[in-house]
Amino acid sequence: MKKITILLFAIVLGMSAVYAQGSFRATLKPGTSVNSVMIALLPNSSFTGKFSNVQFTLQIPNTVPQPVVTIKSNPLVTYIPTANYQTQVTNEGGFYTFLFGAVITGSPDFNFTGVEFDALEIVFNNSAGPTTGRLAHLPSGGSTGQLAFYVEIGGNDLTDYTSSFYGAGASNGGSYDAYSFVPLSNLGLPVNWLKFEVAKRDNDAVLNWIVANEDRNKLYEVERSSDGRTYTGIGTVQSKADKTTSNDYSYIDENVSALKIPIVYYRLKQVDVDGKFTYSKVYSLRYTEKSTLLSLYPNPARNQTVLSIDLNAEEKISITIIDATGKLVYSETKIFGRGLTQHRLNIGNFKMGSYDVKLKSVTTNKAFKLIVQ
């Protein structure tokens, strides 16, 4: 793989024909939430080809706490499966540098039309902001040799190293051996959740949370669910005026036991002044001692599905997935803690069809039918 930087994503595209280099440039745009960015690609002509390798490098100044950086959405999932992306994290020249690179085989043809298209959305969590991010290309790939912007089609390098990036503030070094980047200012890293807990008090549920980094925060919406998937807003709490220090909040869901729900799930929706939002982790209250296992979601699924399990005590559970012919295609043993755990299963390499997902432990014997599209 070529080299890339965390603010910059390099993409290797696979094509059946040989094309001249200099076909692809990239830019960085606001994402769908205040703490996410979208990487977009721009081909300089129309053609049909297959993605074979991509690399994107993103950078954040190391003057803020190091964020946790993950893929939020993948507009090219049909052509570059999310499971194919590998990551690197380094500290380069005053920046936390994050590389997202993927090698792709057997990708279907993509019709490039000479217009910009979205390639990958990245989300930043557990840090403080706002700050400025960058999609970047480090000279010769930086310390790892991979921190670069790279687009390969059908095994052919189609990266425009002369003018790799476009958009406001873009700076291009003019070659693979030079530093290039495009910035995105006012990246609003989300509030730092210092504490969030839910407890019973008589017939009520009491929610308490402490947060820092509230400079852009407007309010919190309290949401409740009976199944851990579908949530309904039940109240709001306004952000405190003093946003320079950590603040504590509370909310009481009165007489919740009267709902007769075995397990009640809560989460907080943190809304910024511009309407963008992020969610807290999910916490649950149990009104029965019986362990509950929730179904896979989504189902049918394509690249990944989430197994939600709620237990009244820690358990070691074996997970196996068997295809329609009876062949074992996945096996894992994992310790699940008390309460709700949401465990992602990557199925991007599974063929389309029906699968049996089986969960077994000392106290558990559960099976699900999974459809892979």
Protein backbone atom coordinates (compact mmCIF):
# COMPACT_ATOMS: atom_id res chain seq x y z
CA MET A 1 0.00 0.00 0.00
CA LYS A 2 1.13 3.57 -0.64
CA LYS A 3 1.55 6.00 2.22
CA ILE A 4 -1.11 8.24 3.73
CA THR A 5 -1.89 10.58 6.65
CA ILE A 6 -4.83 10.44 9.05
CA LEU A 7 -6.42 13.59 7.84
CA LEU A 8 -6.17 12.26 4.40
CA PHE A 9 -7.58 9.10 3.01
CA ALA A 10 -5.79 7.34 0.18
CA ILE A 11 -7.82 5.25 -2.15
CA VAL A 12 -6.56 2.61 -4.48
CA LEU A 13 -9.01 1.98 -7.27
CA GLY A 14 -9.01 -1.09 -9.44
CA MET A 15 -9.46 -0.72 -13.23
CA SER A 16 -9.30 -3.14 -16.11
CA ALA A 17 -7.54 -0.65 -18.37
CA VAL A 18 -4.40 1.42 -17.78
CA TYR A 19 -5.02 5.11 -17.16
CA ALA A 20 -2.58 7.97 -16.85
CA GLN A 21 -1.58 9.11 -13.38
CA GLY A 22 -3.02 12.33 -12.00
CA SER A 23 -6.67 11.29 -12.25
CA PHE A 24 -7.83 11.79 -8.64
CA ARG A 25 -7.81 14.67 -6.17
CA ALA A 26 -9.53 14.89 -2.78
CA THR A 27 -11.07 17.34 -0.33
CA LEU A 28 -12.44 17.38 3.22
CA LYS A 29 -16.04 18.44 3.99
CA PRO A 30 -18.21 18.65 7.11
CA GLY A 31 -19.79 15.32 7.97
CA THR A 32 -23.30 14.49 9.11
CA SER A 33 -22.52 15.35 12.75
CA VAL A 34 -20.53 18.12 14.40
CA ASN A 35 -17.68 15.71 15.17
CA SER A 36 -17.39 14.01 11.77
CA VAL A 37 -15.77 14.78 8.40
CA MET A 38 -16.44 13.48 4.91
CA ILE A 39 -13.65 12.67 2.48
CA ALA A 40 -14.63 13.31 -1.15
CA LEU A 41 -12.86 12.34 -4.37
CA LEU A 42 -12.77 14.13 -7.73
CA PRO A 43 -11.72 12.26 -10.91
CA ASN A 44 -10.56 14.43 -13.81
CA SER A 45 -12.42 12.41 -16.45
CA SER A 46 -15.18 9.88 -17.06
CA PHE A 47 -14.31 6.18 -17.16
CA THR A 48 -15.21 2.80 -15.67
CA GLY A 49 -12.87 0.98 -13.32
CA LYS A 50 -12.46 -1.10 -10.19
CA PHE A 51 -11.11 0.10 -6.84
CA SER A 52 -8.05 -1.93 -5.88
CA ASN A 53 -6.35 0.15 -3.15
CA VAL A 54 -7.14 3.38 -1.28
CA GLN A 55 -5.42 5.35 1.47
CA PHE A 56 -6.67 8.39 3.40
CA THR A 57 -4.70 10.26 6.06
CA LEU A 58 -6.32 12.54 8.64
CA GLN A 59 -4.55 14.82 11.11
CA ILE A 60 -5.61 16.62 14.30
CA PRO A 61 -3.32 18.98 16.28
CA ASN A 62 -1.90 17.22 19.34
CA THR A 63 -2.75 20.23 21.50
CA VAL A 64 -6.12 18.56 22.27
CA PRO A 65 -6.61 15.14 23.93
CA GLN A 66 -6.12 12.36 21.39
CA PRO A 67 -9.53 11.42 19.96
CA VAL A 68 -10.85 7.98 19.12
CA VAL A 69 -11.28 8.01 15.35
CA THR A 70 -13.54 5.52 13.55
CA ILE A 71 -15.53 5.11 10.34
CA LYS A 72 -19.04 6.56 10.70
CA SER A 73 -20.38 5.83 7.21
CA ASN A 74 -19.04 4.37 3.99
CA PRO A 75 -20.76 5.66 0.82
CA LEU A 76 -18.61 3.28 -1.26
CA VAL A 77 -19.38 0.17 0.77
CA THR A 78 -20.45 -1.77 -2.36
CA TYR A 79 -17.04 -1.13 -3.93
CA ILE A 80 -14.79 -0.85 -0.83
CA PRO A 81 -16.18 -2.98 2.05
CA THR A 82 -15.81 -1.28 5.42
CA ALA A 83 -14.18 -4.41 6.85
CA ASN A 84 -11.30 -3.98 4.35
CA TYR A 85 -10.14 -0.73 5.95
CA GLN A 86 -7.06 -1.01 8.16
CA THR A 87 -5.90 1.83 10.43
CA GLN A 88 -2.65 3.28 11.74
CA VAL A 89 -2.22 5.95 14.43
CA THR A 90 1.00 7.94 14.87
CA ASN A 91 2.14 11.28 16.26
CA GLU A 92 3.78 13.21 13.41
CA GLY A 93 5.13 16.76 13.60
CA GLY A 94 2.63 18.10 16.10
CA PHE A 95 -0.36 16.13 14.76
CA TYR A 96 -2.18 12.97 15.71
CA THR A 97 -2.15 11.22 12.35
CA PHE A 98 -4.71 8.60 11.37
CA LEU A 99 -4.46 6.40 8.32
CA PHE A 100 -7.39 4.56 6.76
CA GLY A 101 -6.24 2.25 3.98
CA ALA A 102 -7.96 -0.60 2.14
CA VAL A 103 -6.89 -3.24 -0.35
CA ILE A 104 -9.81 -4.43 -2.48
CA THR A 105 -10.17 -7.52 -4.66
CA GLY A 106 -13.16 -8.49 -6.75
CA SER A 107 -14.76 -5.04 -6.59
CA PRO A 108 -17.57 -4.36 -9.09
CA ASP A 109 -17.05 -1.68 -11.75
CA PHE A 110 -17.56 1.93 -10.68
CA ASN A 111 -18.69 4.50 -13.26
CA PHE A 112 -16.61 7.65 -12.68
CA THR A 113 -18.28 10.69 -14.24
CA GLY A 114 -15.72 13.42 -13.66
CA VAL A 115 -17.72 14.90 -10.73
CA GLU A 116 -17.06 14.85 -7.00
CA PHE A 117 -18.38 11.94 -4.93
CA ASP A 118 -18.23 11.07 -1.22
CA ALA A 119 -15.80 8.30 -0.27
CA LEU A 120 -15.64 7.89 3.53
CA GLU A 121 -17.01 9.60 6.66
CA ILE A 122 -14.84 9.65 9.79
CA VAL A 123 -16.04 10.47 13.32
CA PHE A 124 -13.93 11.82 16.22
CA ASN A 125 -14.87 10.93 19.81
CA ASN A 126 -13.57 11.27 23.38
CA SER A 127 -11.64 14.50 22.91
CA ALA A 128 -12.19 18.26 23.15
CA GLY A 129 -12.70 20.97 20.54
CA PRO A 130 -13.41 22.79 18.37
CA THR A 131 -10.25 22.33 16.36
CA THR A 132 -9.00 22.17 12.77
CA GLY A 133 -8.52 18.87 11.00
CA ARG A 134 -6.63 18.02 7.86
CA LEU A 135 -6.75 15.53 5.05
CA ALA A 136 -3.06 15.12 4.33
CA HIS A 137 -0.27 13.50 2.39
CA LEU A 138 3.03 13.17 4.31
CA PRO A 139 6.33 13.34 2.40
CA SER A 140 7.12 9.82 1.18
CA GLY A 141 4.41 8.48 3.47
CA GLY A 142 5.79 9.78 6.76
CA SER A 143 7.38 7.62 9.46
CA THR A 144 5.52 4.47 8.44
CA GLY A 145 5.75 4.96 4.68
CA GLN A 146 1.96 4.65 4.48
CA LEU A 147 0.72 8.08 5.61
CA ALA A 148 -0.30 9.26 2.18
CA PHE A 149 -3.18 10.02 -0.12
CA TYR A 150 -3.40 7.28 -2.69
CA VAL A 151 -5.96 6.11 -5.24
CA GLU A 152 -5.38 2.99 -7.28
CA ILE A 153 -7.68 1.65 -10.00
CA GLY A 154 -7.15 -1.86 -11.33
CA GLY A 155 -3.63 -1.87 -9.88
CA ASN A 156 -2.75 1.50 -11.48
CA ASP A 157 -1.80 4.54 -9.37
CA LEU A 158 -4.20 7.33 -10.38
CA THR A 159 -3.30 9.84 -7.66
CA ASP A 160 -2.67 13.45 -8.70
CA TYR A 161 0.47 14.17 -6.63
CA THR A 162 0.93 17.57 -8.31
CA SER A 163 -2.38 18.89 -6.99
CA SER A 164 -3.64 16.25 -4.55
CA PHE A 165 -6.14 18.43 -2.68
CA TYR A 166 -8.66 21.12 -3.51
CA GLY A 167 -10.93 23.37 -1.50
CA ALA A 168 -10.48 26.33 0.86
CA GLY A 169 -6.96 26.49 2.29
CA ALA A 170 -5.58 23.59 0.23
CA SER A 171 -1.78 23.50 0.10
CA ASN A 172 -0.09 21.22 -2.43
CA GLY A 173 3.62 20.40 -2.33
CA GLY A 174 3.60 19.26 -5.96
CA SER A 175 5.04 15.74 -5.60
CA TYR A 176 4.82 12.45 -3.74
CA ASP A 177 7.87 13.47 -1.68
CA ALA A 178 6.28 16.74 -0.46
CA TYR A 179 3.71 17.58 2.24
CA SER A 180 0.21 18.45 1.02
CA PHE A 181 -3.06 19.00 2.89
CA VAL A 182 -6.52 20.54 2.88
CA PRO A 183 -7.86 21.85 6.23
CA LEU A 184 -11.35 21.86 7.74
CA SER A 185 -11.84 24.40 10.52
CA ASN A 186 -14.36 24.37 13.37
CA LEU A 187 -14.36 20.61 13.69
CA GLY A 188 -16.52 20.40 16.81
CA LEU A 189 -15.23 17.49 18.82
CA PRO A 190 -18.08 16.34 21.07
CA VAL A 191 -18.61 16.87 24.76
CA ASN A 192 -16.44 14.70 26.96
CA TRP A 193 -18.72 12.34 28.90
CA LEU A 194 -17.00 12.13 32.27
CA LYS A 195 -19.84 10.16 33.85
CA PHE A 196 -23.26 8.80 32.97
CA GLU A 197 -25.20 6.47 35.24
CA VAL A 198 -28.80 5.35 35.74
CA ALA A 199 -30.21 4.07 39.03
CA LYS A 200 -33.55 3.02 40.53
CA ARG A 201 -35.14 5.16 43.25
CA ASP A 202 -38.44 3.68 44.42
CA ASN A 203 -40.58 3.62 41.24
CA ASP A 204 -38.45 6.20 39.41
CA ALA A 205 -35.32 6.04 37.25
CA VAL A 206 -32.69 8.66 38.11
CA LEU A 207 -30.18 9.69 35.42
CA ASN A 208 -27.01 11.56 36.40
CA TRP A 209 -24.23 12.68 34.07
CA ILE A 210 -21.13 14.90 34.17
CA VAL A 211 -19.61 16.40 31.01
CA ALA A 212 -16.78 18.72 29.95
CA ASN A 213 -16.13 20.67 26.72
CA GLU A 214 -19.61 22.20 26.43
CA ASP A 215 -18.65 25.33 24.50
CA ARG A 216 -20.95 24.42 21.56
CA ASN A 217 -23.59 22.54 23.51
CA LYS A 218 -27.24 23.67 23.60
CA LEU A 219 -29.18 20.93 25.36
CA TYR A 220 -29.58 17.23 26.16
CA GLU A 221 -32.53 15.13 25.07
CA VAL A 222 -33.25 12.13 27.31
CA GLU A 223 -34.37 9.10 25.28
CA ARG A 224 -35.89 5.83 26.48
CA SER A 225 -36.34 2.43 24.81
CA SER A 226 -38.02 -0.88 25.65
CA ASP A 227 -35.94 -2.95 23.22
CA GLY A 228 -32.55 -1.22 22.97
CA ARG A 229 -33.12 -0.25 19.32
CA THR A 230 -36.02 2.18 18.99
CA TYR A 231 -35.82 5.26 21.25
CA THR A 232 -38.37 7.94 22.17
CA GLY A 233 -37.58 11.35 23.63
CA ILE A 234 -39.04 11.78 27.14
CA GLY A 235 -37.55 15.14 28.20
CA THR A 236 -34.87 17.80 27.70
CA VAL A 237 -32.25 19.40 29.92
CA GLN A 238 -30.75 22.75 28.92
CA SER A 239 -26.98 23.24 28.92
CA LYS A 240 -25.64 25.29 31.82
CA ALA A 241 -24.42 28.82 31.20
CA ASP A 242 -20.91 28.19 32.55
CA LYS A 243 -19.21 26.15 29.83
CA THR A 244 -15.62 26.62 30.99
CA THR A 245 -15.63 23.81 33.57
CA SER A 246 -17.21 20.38 33.90
CA ASN A 247 -20.95 20.40 34.70
CA ASP A 248 -23.22 17.85 36.31
CA TYR A 249 -26.82 17.17 35.29
CA SER A 250 -29.70 14.98 36.39
CA TYR A 251 -33.11 13.87 35.14
CA ILE A 252 -35.85 11.81 36.84
CA ASP A 253 -38.05 9.49 34.80
CA GLU A 254 -40.99 9.26 37.19
CA ASN A 255 -42.94 6.06 37.88
CA VAL A 256 -41.14 4.15 35.14
CA SER A 257 -41.81 0.82 36.89
CA ALA A 258 -45.52 1.23 36.05
CA LEU A 259 -44.62 0.69 32.37
CA LYS A 260 -44.06 -3.01 33.17
CA ILE A 261 -41.02 -3.17 30.89
CA PRO A 262 -38.51 -5.92 31.91
CA ILE A 263 -35.49 -3.84 30.87
CA VAL A 264 -35.57 -0.08 30.26
CA TYR A 265 -32.80 1.50 28.15
CA TYR A 266 -31.66 5.13 28.32
CA ARG A 267 -29.36 7.30 26.23
CA LEU A 268 -28.65 11.03 25.97
CA LYS A 269 -28.76 12.98 22.72
CA GLN A 270 -26.36 15.93 23.02
CA VAL A 271 -27.46 18.73 20.66
CA ASP A 272 -25.13 21.56 19.58
CA VAL A 273 -26.14 25.16 18.89
CA ASP A 274 -26.12 24.45 15.14
CA GLY A 275 -28.48 21.48 15.48
CA LYS A 276 -25.87 18.76 15.02
CA PHE A 277 -25.82 16.04 17.66
CA THR A 278 -24.07 13.02 19.16
CA TYR A 279 -25.24 10.22 21.46
CA SER A 280 -23.98 8.95 24.79
CA LYS A 281 -23.51 5.29 25.56
CA VAL A 282 -26.63 3.28 26.35
CA TYR A 283 -27.42 2.29 29.94
CA SER A 284 -30.17 0.02 31.20
CA LEU A 285 -32.27 -0.68 34.27
CA ARG A 286 -33.47 -4.21 34.87
CA TYR A 287 -36.89 -4.90 36.34
CA THR A 288 -36.57 -8.69 36.09
CA GLU A 289 -33.82 -11.13 37.02
CA LYS A 290 -34.21 -13.06 33.78
CA SER A 291 -31.39 -12.63 31.26
CA THR A 292 -32.56 -11.13 27.98
CA LEU A 293 -30.92 -11.55 24.59
CA LEU A 294 -32.05 -9.23 21.85
CA SER A 295 -32.14 -10.11 18.18
CA LEU A 296 -29.50 -9.15 15.63
CA TYR A 297 -29.95 -5.74 14.05
CA PRO A 298 -29.94 -4.93 11.21
CA ASN A 299 -31.23 -8.18 9.81
CA PRO A 300 -31.13 -8.67 6.82
CA ALA A 301 -27.64 -7.11 6.73
CA ARG A 302 -24.82 -6.63 4.25
CA ASN A 303 -21.45 -5.80 5.86
CA GLN A 304 -22.08 -5.91 9.59
CA THR A 305 -24.78 -6.60 12.14
CA VAL A 306 -24.96 -5.84 15.87
CA LEU A 307 -25.66 -8.47 18.49
CA SER A 308 -27.29 -6.86 21.55
CA ILE A 309 -27.14 -8.84 24.79
CA ASP A 310 -28.42 -7.79 28.21
CA LEU A 311 -27.34 -9.97 31.16
CA ASN A 312 -27.91 -9.81 34.91
CA ALA A 313 -24.40 -11.18 35.53
CA GLU A 314 -21.13 -11.53 33.62
CA GLU A 315 -20.97 -14.56 31.32
CA LYS A 316 -18.56 -16.16 28.86
CA ILE A 317 -20.53 -16.81 25.68
CA SER A 318 -19.47 -18.67 22.54
CA ILE A 319 -20.71 -17.28 19.23
CA THR A 320 -20.80 -19.46 16.12
CA ILE A 321 -22.16 -18.75 12.65
CA ILE A 322 -23.05 -21.62 10.32
CA ASP A 323 -23.98 -21.30 6.66
CA ALA A 324 -26.82 -23.07 4.83
CA THR A 325 -24.59 -26.08 4.02
CA GLY A 326 -23.73 -26.63 7.68
CA LYS A 327 -20.22 -25.20 7.40
CA LEU A 328 -18.81 -23.24 10.34
CA VAL A 329 -17.85 -19.79 8.98
CA TYR A 330 -17.31 -17.84 12.21
CA SER A 331 -16.42 -18.74 15.80
CA GLU A 332 -15.67 -16.52 18.81
CA THR A 333 -15.77 -16.75 22.60
CA LYS A 334 -16.26 -13.49 24.47
CA ILE A 335 -16.92 -12.39 28.04
CA PHE A 336 -20.02 -10.18 28.19
CA GLY A 337 -20.46 -7.98 31.25
CA ARG A 338 -23.57 -7.34 33.28
CA GLY A 339 -26.07 -5.08 31.53
CA LEU A 340 -26.34 -4.20 27.85
CA THR A 341 -23.50 -5.04 25.46
CA GLN A 342 -23.66 -4.30 21.73
CA HIS A 343 -21.20 -6.48 19.84
CA ARG A 344 -20.53 -5.88 16.14
CA LEU A 345 -20.20 -8.86 13.83
CA ASN A 346 -18.35 -8.16 10.57
CA ILE A 347 -19.97 -10.15 7.77
CA GLY A 348 -18.55 -8.28 4.76
CA ASN A 349 -16.85 -11.44 3.46
CA PHE A 350 -19.96 -13.63 3.80
CA LYS A 351 -21.78 -14.77 0.67
CA MET A 352 -25.41 -13.82 0.26
CA GLY A 353 -27.76 -16.28 1.93
CA SER A 354 -29.13 -17.56 5.23
CA TYR A 355 -26.97 -18.24 8.31
CA ASP A 356 -27.57 -19.62 11.81
CA VAL A 357 -26.06 -17.54 14.63
CA LYS A 358 -25.78 -19.58 17.84
CA LEU A 359 -24.97 -18.34 21.34
CA LYS A 360 -24.04 -20.74 24.12
CA SER A 361 -22.92 -20.42 27.74
CA VAL A 362 -23.57 -22.08 31.09
CA THR A 363 -27.00 -20.41 31.29
CA THR A 364 -27.64 -19.44 27.67
CA ASN A 365 -28.65 -21.38 24.56
CA LYS A 366 -30.00 -19.02 21.91
CA ALA A 367 -30.14 -19.10 18.10
CA PHE A 368 -30.89 -16.43 15.50
CA LYS A 369 -31.50 -16.62 11.77
CA LEU A 370 -29.32 -14.08 9.89
CA ILE A 371 -29.90 -13.08 6.28
CA VAL A 372 -26.90 -11.65 4.40
CA GLN A 373 -27.84 -9.59 1.34
